[in-house]
N, C-alpha and C. Protein backbone atom coordinates (compact mmCIF):
# COMPACT_ATOMS: atom_id res chain seq x y z
N MET A 1 -2.51 -2.40 7.99
CA MET A 1 -1.45 -3.09 7.14
C MET A 1 -1.41 -2.31 5.81
N ILE A 2 -0.19 -2.13 5.40
CA ILE A 2 0.02 -1.41 4.10
C ILE A 2 0.96 -2.24 3.23
N THR A 3 0.74 -2.25 1.98
CA THR A 3 1.51 -3.04 1.05
C THR A 3 2.87 -2.40 1.02
N ALA A 4 3.93 -3.10 0.68
CA ALA A 4 5.36 -2.58 0.68
C ALA A 4 5.60 -1.41 -0.22
N ASP A 5 4.86 -1.38 -1.33
CA ASP A 5 5.12 -0.23 -2.27
C ASP A 5 4.15 0.97 -2.01
N SER A 6 3.44 0.91 -0.98
CA SER A 6 2.48 2.02 -0.73
C SER A 6 3.09 3.03 0.19
N ASP A 7 2.93 4.31 -0.09
CA ASP A 7 3.34 5.37 0.85
C ASP A 7 2.15 6.16 1.33
N ILE A 8 1.08 5.46 1.60
CA ILE A 8 -0.13 6.12 2.14
C ILE A 8 -0.19 6.19 3.64
N GLN A 9 -0.58 7.31 4.13
CA GLN A 9 -0.63 7.47 5.59
C GLN A 9 -2.13 7.73 5.92
N ALA A 10 -2.64 7.18 6.99
CA ALA A 10 -4.01 7.51 7.33
C ALA A 10 -4.05 7.66 8.79
N TRP A 11 -5.08 8.50 9.31
CA TRP A 11 -5.24 8.73 10.75
C TRP A 11 -6.67 9.26 10.95
N LEU A 12 -7.05 9.22 12.21
CA LEU A 12 -8.37 9.81 12.63
C LEU A 12 -8.12 11.06 13.46
N GLU A 13 -9.06 11.97 13.41
CA GLU A 13 -9.11 13.07 14.36
C GLU A 13 -10.60 13.13 14.83
N ALA A 14 -10.73 13.58 16.05
CA ALA A 14 -12.04 13.57 16.72
C ALA A 14 -12.23 14.86 17.42
N ALA A 15 -13.50 15.39 17.39
CA ALA A 15 -13.91 16.47 18.14
C ALA A 15 -14.84 15.90 19.21
N SER A 16 -14.33 15.85 20.52
CA SER A 16 -15.05 15.16 21.54
C SER A 16 -15.56 16.01 22.63
N ARG A 17 -15.78 17.31 22.44
CA ARG A 17 -16.18 18.13 23.51
C ARG A 17 -17.68 17.95 23.82
N SER A 18 -18.40 17.40 22.95
CA SER A 18 -19.84 17.13 23.19
C SER A 18 -20.23 15.76 22.53
N GLN A 19 -21.39 15.31 22.91
CA GLN A 19 -21.92 14.12 22.30
C GLN A 19 -22.98 14.58 21.28
N PRO A 20 -23.06 13.93 20.15
CA PRO A 20 -22.22 12.91 19.69
C PRO A 20 -20.84 13.43 19.26
N SER A 21 -19.82 12.59 19.22
CA SER A 21 -18.52 12.90 18.83
C SER A 21 -18.41 12.88 17.32
N LEU A 22 -17.60 13.84 16.76
CA LEU A 22 -17.32 13.82 15.36
C LEU A 22 -16.00 13.21 15.08
N ILE A 23 -16.01 12.20 14.24
CA ILE A 23 -14.78 11.48 13.83
C ILE A 23 -14.53 11.75 12.33
N VAL A 24 -13.26 12.16 12.13
CA VAL A 24 -12.82 12.49 10.67
C VAL A 24 -11.63 11.72 10.33
N PRO A 25 -11.73 10.83 9.33
CA PRO A 25 -10.55 10.15 8.82
C PRO A 25 -9.88 10.95 7.69
N TYR A 26 -8.48 10.87 7.73
CA TYR A 26 -7.67 11.62 6.75
C TYR A 26 -6.68 10.65 6.10
N VAL A 27 -6.36 10.97 4.90
CA VAL A 27 -5.26 10.24 4.24
C VAL A 27 -4.29 11.22 3.56
N LYS A 28 -3.05 10.77 3.33
CA LYS A 28 -1.99 11.60 2.69
C LYS A 28 -1.17 10.57 1.94
N THR A 29 -0.59 11.00 0.75
CA THR A 29 0.25 10.07 0.02
C THR A 29 1.32 10.91 -0.65
N GLY A 30 2.42 10.27 -0.96
CA GLY A 30 3.57 10.92 -1.66
C GLY A 30 3.44 10.90 -3.20
N HIS A 31 2.44 10.28 -3.62
CA HIS A 31 2.23 10.23 -5.18
C HIS A 31 0.77 10.57 -5.45
N GLN A 32 0.57 10.96 -6.70
CA GLN A 32 -0.80 11.26 -7.16
C GLN A 32 -1.59 10.00 -7.27
N ALA A 33 -2.73 9.94 -6.71
CA ALA A 33 -3.49 8.70 -6.69
C ALA A 33 -4.98 8.96 -6.67
N THR A 34 -5.70 8.19 -7.39
CA THR A 34 -7.19 8.13 -7.19
C THR A 34 -7.52 6.92 -6.32
N LEU A 35 -7.99 7.14 -5.13
CA LEU A 35 -8.32 6.07 -4.24
C LEU A 35 -9.78 5.92 -3.98
N GLN A 36 -10.19 4.69 -3.91
CA GLN A 36 -11.54 4.35 -3.45
C GLN A 36 -11.35 4.00 -1.97
N TYR A 37 -12.30 4.39 -1.14
CA TYR A 37 -12.27 4.08 0.23
C TYR A 37 -13.55 3.52 0.75
N GLU A 38 -13.45 2.75 1.76
CA GLU A 38 -14.58 2.27 2.61
C GLU A 38 -14.23 2.49 4.08
N ILE A 39 -15.20 3.13 4.77
CA ILE A 39 -14.99 3.36 6.24
C ILE A 39 -16.12 2.72 6.95
N GLU A 40 -15.79 1.96 8.02
CA GLU A 40 -16.76 1.37 8.82
C GLU A 40 -16.49 1.62 10.31
N ALA A 41 -17.49 2.23 11.00
CA ALA A 41 -17.34 2.41 12.49
C ALA A 41 -18.31 1.55 13.16
N ARG A 42 -17.71 0.77 14.16
CA ARG A 42 -18.59 -0.18 14.93
C ARG A 42 -18.51 0.16 16.41
N LYS A 43 -19.64 0.20 17.06
CA LYS A 43 -19.78 0.52 18.49
C LYS A 43 -20.68 -0.45 19.14
N GLU A 44 -20.31 -0.96 20.31
CA GLU A 44 -21.16 -1.93 21.04
C GLU A 44 -21.06 -1.60 22.45
N GLY A 45 -22.23 -1.60 23.12
CA GLY A 45 -22.32 -1.31 24.57
C GLY A 45 -23.69 -1.71 25.09
N LYS A 46 -23.98 -1.15 26.28
CA LYS A 46 -25.26 -1.50 26.95
C LYS A 46 -26.42 -1.03 26.08
N SER A 47 -26.33 -0.01 25.37
CA SER A 47 -27.43 0.44 24.48
C SER A 47 -27.57 -0.38 23.20
N GLY A 48 -26.74 -1.27 22.91
CA GLY A 48 -26.79 -2.10 21.73
C GLY A 48 -25.63 -1.95 20.87
N LYS A 49 -25.85 -2.34 19.58
CA LYS A 49 -24.77 -2.29 18.56
C LYS A 49 -25.13 -1.25 17.49
N SER A 50 -24.05 -0.65 17.00
CA SER A 50 -24.27 0.38 15.87
C SER A 50 -23.11 0.23 14.87
N VAL A 51 -23.52 0.25 13.62
CA VAL A 51 -22.53 0.18 12.52
C VAL A 51 -22.84 1.29 11.49
N LEU A 52 -21.82 2.07 11.33
CA LEU A 52 -21.84 3.13 10.30
C LEU A 52 -20.89 2.83 9.15
N ARG A 53 -21.33 2.97 7.92
CA ARG A 53 -20.55 2.77 6.74
C ARG A 53 -20.64 3.88 5.72
N GLN A 54 -19.54 4.21 5.18
CA GLN A 54 -19.54 5.13 4.02
C GLN A 54 -18.39 4.89 3.13
N GLY A 55 -18.46 5.32 1.88
CA GLY A 55 -17.35 5.06 0.97
C GLY A 55 -17.44 6.08 -0.13
N GLY A 56 -16.47 6.08 -0.97
CA GLY A 56 -16.36 7.04 -2.08
C GLY A 56 -14.99 6.91 -2.81
N SER A 57 -14.68 7.92 -3.57
CA SER A 57 -13.47 8.02 -4.32
C SER A 57 -12.89 9.45 -4.16
N VAL A 58 -11.57 9.49 -4.12
CA VAL A 58 -10.96 10.77 -3.95
C VAL A 58 -9.62 10.75 -4.71
N THR A 59 -9.32 11.93 -5.38
CA THR A 59 -8.01 12.11 -6.07
C THR A 59 -7.09 12.95 -5.11
N ILE A 60 -5.96 12.41 -4.78
CA ILE A 60 -4.97 13.02 -3.90
C ILE A 60 -3.72 13.28 -4.64
N TYR A 61 -3.11 14.47 -4.40
CA TYR A 61 -1.86 14.93 -4.99
C TYR A 61 -0.75 14.76 -3.98
N PRO A 62 0.54 14.64 -4.42
CA PRO A 62 1.62 14.39 -3.56
C PRO A 62 1.63 15.43 -2.40
N GLY A 63 1.70 14.87 -1.20
CA GLY A 63 1.79 15.71 0.02
C GLY A 63 0.49 16.34 0.42
N GLN A 64 -0.52 16.17 -0.24
CA GLN A 64 -1.87 16.72 0.07
C GLN A 64 -2.54 15.82 1.17
N THR A 65 -3.11 16.52 2.15
CA THR A 65 -3.93 15.80 3.16
C THR A 65 -5.42 16.03 2.79
N VAL A 66 -6.13 14.85 2.79
CA VAL A 66 -7.52 14.92 2.37
C VAL A 66 -8.37 14.26 3.42
N ASN A 67 -9.48 14.93 3.81
CA ASN A 67 -10.41 14.28 4.75
C ASN A 67 -11.37 13.44 3.92
N LEU A 68 -11.82 12.31 4.40
CA LEU A 68 -12.74 11.43 3.76
C LEU A 68 -14.17 11.47 4.28
N GLY A 69 -14.51 12.63 4.69
CA GLY A 69 -15.87 12.81 5.28
C GLY A 69 -15.83 12.82 6.75
N SER A 70 -16.94 12.58 7.34
CA SER A 70 -16.95 12.59 8.79
C SER A 70 -18.13 11.64 9.23
N MET A 71 -18.04 11.16 10.52
CA MET A 71 -19.01 10.39 11.09
C MET A 71 -19.27 10.91 12.48
N THR A 72 -20.52 10.74 12.94
CA THR A 72 -20.75 11.06 14.39
C THR A 72 -21.21 9.87 15.11
N LEU A 73 -20.65 9.76 16.36
CA LEU A 73 -21.00 8.67 17.26
C LEU A 73 -21.28 9.17 18.61
N SER A 74 -22.31 8.59 19.22
CA SER A 74 -22.57 8.81 20.68
C SER A 74 -22.09 7.56 21.35
N ARG A 75 -21.27 7.78 22.47
CA ARG A 75 -20.68 6.68 23.14
C ARG A 75 -20.87 6.88 24.72
N ASN A 76 -20.79 5.73 25.29
CA ASN A 76 -20.67 5.73 26.81
C ASN A 76 -19.27 5.26 27.15
N MET A 77 -18.86 5.47 28.33
CA MET A 77 -17.55 5.15 28.84
C MET A 77 -17.17 3.74 28.66
N HIS A 78 -18.05 2.78 28.79
CA HIS A 78 -17.76 1.31 28.68
C HIS A 78 -18.05 0.73 27.33
N ASP A 79 -18.45 1.51 26.36
CA ASP A 79 -18.55 1.05 24.96
C ASP A 79 -17.37 0.60 24.35
N THR A 80 -17.36 -0.39 23.46
CA THR A 80 -16.19 -0.67 22.61
C THR A 80 -16.49 -0.01 21.32
N CYS A 81 -15.47 0.47 20.71
CA CYS A 81 -15.65 1.21 19.37
C CYS A 81 -14.37 1.17 18.57
N PHE A 82 -14.53 0.91 17.29
CA PHE A 82 -13.33 0.96 16.37
C PHE A 82 -13.78 1.34 15.08
N VAL A 83 -12.88 1.87 14.20
CA VAL A 83 -13.03 2.30 12.88
C VAL A 83 -12.08 1.50 11.95
N VAL A 84 -12.62 0.99 10.90
CA VAL A 84 -11.82 0.36 9.89
C VAL A 84 -11.87 1.16 8.56
N LEU A 85 -10.68 1.44 8.04
CA LEU A 85 -10.56 2.19 6.77
C LEU A 85 -9.79 1.31 5.79
N THR A 86 -10.47 1.03 4.67
CA THR A 86 -9.81 0.25 3.54
C THR A 86 -9.74 1.12 2.33
N LEU A 87 -8.49 1.08 1.75
CA LEU A 87 -8.23 1.87 0.59
C LEU A 87 -7.87 1.01 -0.59
N TYR A 88 -8.36 1.45 -1.80
CA TYR A 88 -8.14 0.71 -3.07
C TYR A 88 -7.59 1.70 -3.99
N GLU A 89 -6.68 1.26 -4.84
CA GLU A 89 -6.09 1.98 -5.97
C GLU A 89 -6.20 1.17 -7.16
N ARG A 90 -6.80 1.53 -8.23
CA ARG A 90 -7.05 0.74 -9.41
C ARG A 90 -7.56 -0.64 -9.06
N GLU A 91 -8.62 -0.63 -8.26
CA GLU A 91 -9.30 -1.89 -7.81
C GLU A 91 -8.48 -2.85 -7.05
N LYS A 92 -7.25 -2.37 -6.64
CA LYS A 92 -6.44 -3.30 -5.77
C LYS A 92 -6.37 -2.69 -4.37
N LYS A 93 -6.60 -3.60 -3.36
CA LYS A 93 -6.51 -3.11 -1.99
C LYS A 93 -5.10 -2.70 -1.69
N VAL A 94 -4.84 -1.46 -1.32
CA VAL A 94 -3.52 -0.97 -1.00
C VAL A 94 -3.22 -0.76 0.46
N ALA A 95 -4.30 -0.63 1.28
CA ALA A 95 -4.10 -0.35 2.68
C ALA A 95 -5.42 -0.75 3.44
N ASN A 96 -5.21 -1.17 4.64
CA ASN A 96 -6.32 -1.54 5.49
C ASN A 96 -5.90 -1.16 6.98
N TYR A 97 -6.62 -0.26 7.59
CA TYR A 97 -6.25 0.28 8.97
C TYR A 97 -7.45 -0.04 9.85
N ARG A 98 -7.05 -0.28 11.14
CA ARG A 98 -8.06 -0.44 12.15
C ARG A 98 -7.67 0.49 13.30
N PHE A 99 -8.55 1.42 13.65
CA PHE A 99 -8.27 2.35 14.71
C PHE A 99 -9.31 2.18 15.82
N ASP A 100 -8.85 2.28 17.06
CA ASP A 100 -9.78 2.38 18.10
C ASP A 100 -10.36 3.76 18.03
N CYS A 101 -11.63 3.93 18.37
CA CYS A 101 -12.17 5.24 18.39
C CYS A 101 -11.47 6.12 19.33
N PRO A 102 -11.26 7.39 18.97
CA PRO A 102 -10.54 8.30 19.76
C PRO A 102 -11.14 8.44 21.19
N GLN A 103 -10.35 8.56 22.23
CA GLN A 103 -10.78 8.67 23.53
C GLN A 103 -11.63 10.00 23.65
N MET A 104 -12.66 9.97 24.43
CA MET A 104 -13.48 11.13 24.60
C MET A 104 -13.40 11.52 26.08
N ALA A 105 -12.87 12.69 26.25
CA ALA A 105 -12.52 13.16 27.58
C ALA A 105 -13.72 13.33 28.50
N ASP A 106 -14.92 13.65 27.97
CA ASP A 106 -16.00 13.98 28.87
C ASP A 106 -17.07 12.86 28.86
N LEU A 107 -16.70 11.59 28.59
CA LEU A 107 -17.68 10.54 28.73
C LEU A 107 -18.14 10.36 30.09
N LYS A 108 -19.41 10.06 30.25
CA LYS A 108 -19.95 9.89 31.57
C LYS A 108 -20.50 8.49 31.69
């Protein structure tokens, strides 16, 4: 969900050729902004539950794509997994995204 006056785009990329998989969240905006971010990855499966969290602050310039760090996850084929990215600008929540973890081609 994005507020009506927000021009922020966010997405995930993953390197899934091996386990654990590397997940990298990216943001891009049409205006200069200093954003605070919170990222949470949740995985649940036969081996149990796992929650990873990280956060920080980043200054973005118009049209610039910025990665917000990276997370590594080991997964099995039947695990459920998602990532939540929340962005704040001047202490106001401006965007909240929920992504399914990227598909991993070589899960066994």
